[in-house]
Amino acid sequence: MSKRHEYLFEHEVDTSKPRKIVKEEIFSKQYDGEEREIPIGDLPEDLEPTDLLIYSSDPGHYSDNNSYDAHTIVKILRPRLETDEEYSDRLRLSAQFLSKAKARRYDVFMKLKDEFEPSDEKNS
């Protein structure tokens, strides 16, 4: 896209968008084997009622060239509002994406216009 058209695609950051809830991992532990019992003592003491417990058990896979043992993973996620920095970064990236998408659409439009509209030079 030419520099002369770039000014058409500058987007202002839309600060009216609400903040998102981010799930931050506060604890993770992997156990060998397909554990069915996880000791409560392994979990952090500062758990909150809104924390999310993610439990994943994998029986393992055995083959000649790609194998892994059975394991269990326990994670605890804590939902929170995104920080000011995360919020401004998300809005800035969104504005950049919209600007680039509009520029791509404009480039396609110009190519199609050149292809399908007869120019004065071709008619002469």
C-alpha atoms as a PDB file:
ATOM      1  CA  MET A   1       0.000   0.000   0.000  1.00  0.00           C
ATOM      2  CA  SER A   2       1.325   3.434  -0.859  1.00  0.00           C
ATOM      3  CA  LYS A   3       2.218   5.955   1.826  1.00  0.00           C
ATOM      4  CA  ARG A   4      -0.305   8.452   0.445  1.00  0.00           C
ATOM      5  CA  HIS A   5      -3.191   6.161   1.456  1.00  0.00           C
ATOM      6  CA  GLU A   6      -1.950   5.265   4.939  1.00  0.00           C
ATOM      7  CA  TYR A   7      -3.701   8.227   6.551  1.00  0.00           C
ATOM      8  CA  LEU A   8      -7.024   6.674   5.544  1.00  0.00           C
ATOM      9  CA  PHE A   9      -6.440   3.672   7.750  1.00  0.00           C
ATOM     10  CA  GLU A  10      -5.385   5.152  11.064  1.00  0.00           C
ATOM     11  CA  HIS A  11      -7.762   4.054  13.817  1.00  0.00           C
ATOM     12  CA  GLU A  12      -8.232   5.686  17.152  1.00  0.00           C
ATOM     13  CA  VAL A  13      -8.085   3.405  20.183  1.00  0.00           C
ATOM     14  CA  ASP A  14     -11.651   2.688  21.315  1.00  0.00           C
ATOM     15  CA  THR A  15     -11.568   3.047  25.101  1.00  0.00           C
ATOM     16  CA  SER A  16     -15.294   2.344  25.446  1.00  0.00           C
ATOM     17  CA  LYS A  17     -14.651  -1.399  25.294  1.00  0.00           C
ATOM     18  CA  PRO A  18     -15.035  -3.106  28.685  1.00  0.00           C
ATOM     19  CA  ARG A  19     -12.134  -4.761  30.423  1.00  0.00           C
ATOM     20  CA  LYS A  20     -11.856  -8.527  30.032  1.00  0.00           C
ATOM     21  CA  ILE A  21     -11.473 -11.128  32.723  1.00  0.00           C
ATOM     22  CA  VAL A  22      -8.099 -12.858  32.501  1.00  0.00           C
ATOM     23  CA  LYS A  23      -7.427 -16.281  34.016  1.00  0.00           C
ATOM     24  CA  GLU A  24      -3.997 -16.241  35.606  1.00  0.00           C
ATOM     25  CA  GLU A  25      -2.311 -19.544  36.466  1.00  0.00           C
ATOM     26  CA  ILE A  26      -1.309 -19.402  40.134  1.00  0.00           C
ATOM     27  CA  PHE A  27      -0.406 -23.077  40.635  1.00  0.00           C
ATOM     28  CA  SER A  28       0.597 -26.021  38.472  1.00  0.00           C
ATOM     29  CA  LYS A  29       1.913 -29.440  39.374  1.00  0.00           C
ATOM     30  CA  GLN A  30       2.470 -32.615  37.377  1.00  0.00           C
ATOM     31  CA  TYR A  31       2.219 -36.061  38.937  1.00  0.00           C
ATOM     32  CA  ASP A  32       3.582 -39.264  37.460  1.00  0.00           C
ATOM     33  CA  GLY A  33       0.990 -41.880  36.547  1.00  0.00           C
ATOM     34  CA  GLU A  34      -2.754 -41.556  36.400  1.00  0.00           C
ATOM     35  CA  GLU A  35      -3.240 -40.233  39.903  1.00  0.00           C
ATOM     36  CA  ARG A  36      -6.772 -40.286  41.216  1.00  0.00           C
ATOM     37  CA  GLU A  37      -5.919 -38.739  44.570  1.00  0.00           C
ATOM     38  CA  ILE A  38      -4.284 -35.343  44.932  1.00  0.00           C
ATOM     39  CA  PRO A  39      -3.178 -34.398  48.464  1.00  0.00           C
ATOM     40  CA  ILE A  40      -4.820 -31.171  49.656  1.00  0.00           C
ATOM     41  CA  GLY A  41      -1.493 -30.233  51.201  1.00  0.00           C
ATOM     42  CA  ASP A  42      -0.034 -29.884  47.691  1.00  0.00           C
ATOM     43  CA  LEU A  43      -2.426 -27.030  46.910  1.00  0.00           C
ATOM     44  CA  PRO A  44      -1.580 -23.437  47.892  1.00  0.00           C
ATOM     45  CA  GLU A  45      -3.017 -22.157  51.153  1.00  0.00           C
ATOM     46  CA  ASP A  46      -4.281 -18.829  49.794  1.00  0.00           C
ATOM     47  CA  LEU A  47      -7.070 -20.241  47.605  1.00  0.00           C
ATOM     48  CA  GLU A  48     -10.092 -18.061  46.981  1.00  0.00           C
ATOM     49  CA  PRO A  49     -13.698 -19.167  46.329  1.00  0.00           C
ATOM     50  CA  THR A  50     -13.486 -17.905  42.733  1.00  0.00           C
ATOM     51  CA  ASP A  51     -10.342 -19.903  41.869  1.00  0.00           C
ATOM     52  CA  LEU A  52     -10.725 -22.590  39.207  1.00  0.00           C
ATOM     53  CA  LEU A  53      -9.270 -26.088  39.570  1.00  0.00           C
ATOM     54  CA  ILE A  54      -8.241 -27.784  36.334  1.00  0.00           C
ATOM     55  CA  TYR A  55      -7.514 -31.503  36.553  1.00  0.00           C
ATOM     56  CA  SER A  56      -6.108 -33.350  33.550  1.00  0.00           C
ATOM     57  CA  SER A  57      -5.158 -37.014  33.449  1.00  0.00           C
ATOM     58  CA  ASP A  58      -3.440 -38.668  30.483  1.00  0.00           C
ATOM     59  CA  PRO A  59      -3.004 -42.474  30.272  1.00  0.00           C
ATOM     60  CA  GLY A  60       0.199 -42.123  28.275  1.00  0.00           C
ATOM     61  CA  HIS A  61       1.097 -43.314  24.815  1.00  0.00           C
ATOM     62  CA  TYR A  62       3.554 -45.978  23.795  1.00  0.00           C
ATOM     63  CA  SER A  63       4.914 -46.474  20.307  1.00  0.00           C
ATOM     64  CA  ASP A  64       8.225 -47.269  18.641  1.00  0.00           C
ATOM     65  CA  ASN A  65       9.267 -43.685  18.021  1.00  0.00           C
ATOM     66  CA  ASN A  66       7.095 -41.367  20.129  1.00  0.00           C
ATOM     67  CA  SER A  67       6.120 -42.372  23.654  1.00  0.00           C
ATOM     68  CA  TYR A  68       5.269 -40.605  26.885  1.00  0.00           C
ATOM     69  CA  ASP A  69       4.344 -41.883  30.313  1.00  0.00           C
ATOM     70  CA  ALA A  70       0.993 -41.536  32.033  1.00  0.00           C
ATOM     71  CA  HIS A  71       0.704 -38.295  33.973  1.00  0.00           C
ATOM     72  CA  THR A  72      -1.743 -36.054  35.764  1.00  0.00           C
ATOM     73  CA  ILE A  73      -1.627 -32.275  35.813  1.00  0.00           C
ATOM     74  CA  VAL A  74      -3.365 -30.060  38.362  1.00  0.00           C
ATOM     75  CA  LYS A  75      -3.655 -26.337  37.707  1.00  0.00           C
ATOM     76  CA  ILE A  76      -5.345 -23.548  39.596  1.00  0.00           C
ATOM     77  CA  LEU A  77      -6.438 -20.448  37.708  1.00  0.00           C
ATOM     78  CA  ARG A  78      -7.461 -17.174  39.302  1.00  0.00           C
ATOM     79  CA  PRO A  79      -9.834 -14.931  37.330  1.00  0.00           C
ATOM     80  CA  ARG A  80      -9.038 -11.215  37.491  1.00  0.00           C
ATOM     81  CA  LEU A  81      -9.655  -8.047  35.514  1.00  0.00           C
ATOM     82  CA  GLU A  82      -6.930  -7.226  33.043  1.00  0.00           C
ATOM     83  CA  THR A  83      -4.428  -4.617  34.183  1.00  0.00           C
ATOM     84  CA  ASP A  84      -4.225  -1.126  32.704  1.00  0.00           C
ATOM     85  CA  GLU A  85      -1.209  -2.197  30.652  1.00  0.00           C
ATOM     86  CA  GLU A  86      -2.911  -5.355  29.332  1.00  0.00           C
ATOM     87  CA  TYR A  87      -6.038  -3.324  28.523  1.00  0.00           C
ATOM     88  CA  SER A  88      -4.172  -0.640  26.588  1.00  0.00           C
ATOM     89  CA  ASP A  89      -2.060  -3.262  24.758  1.00  0.00           C
ATOM     90  CA  ARG A  90      -5.189  -5.190  23.737  1.00  0.00           C
ATOM     91  CA  LEU A  91      -6.904  -2.047  22.472  1.00  0.00           C
ATOM     92  CA  ARG A  92      -3.776  -0.913  20.613  1.00  0.00           C
ATOM     93  CA  LEU A  93      -3.341  -4.313  18.933  1.00  0.00           C
ATOM     94  CA  SER A  94      -7.022  -4.368  18.015  1.00  0.00           C
ATOM     95  CA  ALA A  95      -6.739  -0.928  16.396  1.00  0.00           C
ATOM     96  CA  GLN A  96      -3.629  -2.035  14.486  1.00  0.00           C
ATOM     97  CA  PHE A  97      -5.411  -5.165  13.279  1.00  0.00           C
ATOM     98  CA  LEU A  98      -8.404  -3.136  12.082  1.00  0.00           C
ATOM     99  CA  SER A  99      -6.125  -0.707  10.299  1.00  0.00           C
ATOM    100  CA  LYS A 100      -4.175  -3.474   8.531  1.00  0.00           C
ATOM    101  CA  ALA A 101      -7.383  -5.291   7.581  1.00  0.00           C
ATOM    102  CA  LYS A 102      -8.807  -2.116   6.069  1.00  0.00           C
ATOM    103  CA  ALA A 103      -5.551  -1.531   4.164  1.00  0.00           C
ATOM    104  CA  ARG A 104      -5.678  -5.091   2.752  1.00  0.00           C
ATOM    105  CA  ARG A 105      -9.287  -4.620   1.673  1.00  0.00           C
ATOM    106  CA  TYR A 106      -8.362  -1.335   0.020  1.00  0.00           C
ATOM    107  CA  ASP A 107      -5.461  -2.997  -1.862  1.00  0.00           C
ATOM    108  CA  VAL A 108      -7.808  -5.731  -3.115  1.00  0.00           C
ATOM    109  CA  PHE A 109     -10.363  -3.101  -4.098  1.00  0.00           C
ATOM    110  CA  MET A 110      -7.765  -1.155  -6.093  1.00  0.00           C
ATOM    111  CA  LYS A 111      -6.593  -4.321  -7.883  1.00  0.00           C
ATOM    112  CA  LEU A 112     -10.164  -5.257  -8.761  1.00  0.00           C
ATOM    113  CA  LYS A 113     -10.893  -1.718  -9.865  1.00  0.00           C
ATOM    114  CA  ASP A 114      -7.846  -1.768 -12.183  1.00  0.00           C
ATOM    115  CA  GLU A 115      -8.910  -5.154 -13.536  1.00  0.00           C
ATOM    116  CA  PHE A 116     -12.580  -4.426 -14.199  1.00  0.00           C
ATOM    117  CA  GLU A 117     -12.799  -0.696 -14.882  1.00  0.00           C
ATOM    118  CA  PRO A 118     -11.639   0.357 -18.329  1.00  0.00           C
ATOM    119  CA  SER A 119      -9.038   3.075 -18.145  1.00  0.00           C
ATOM    120  CA  ASP A 120      -8.805   6.024 -20.548  1.00  0.00           C
ATOM    121  CA  GLU A 121      -5.434   4.810 -21.816  1.00  0.00           C
ATOM    122  CA  LYS A 122      -6.816   1.413 -22.870  1.00  0.00           C
ATOM    123  CA  ASN A 123      -9.732   2.994 -24.750  1.00  0.00           C
ATOM    124  CA  SER A 124      -7.479   5.300 -26.799  1.00  0.00           C
END
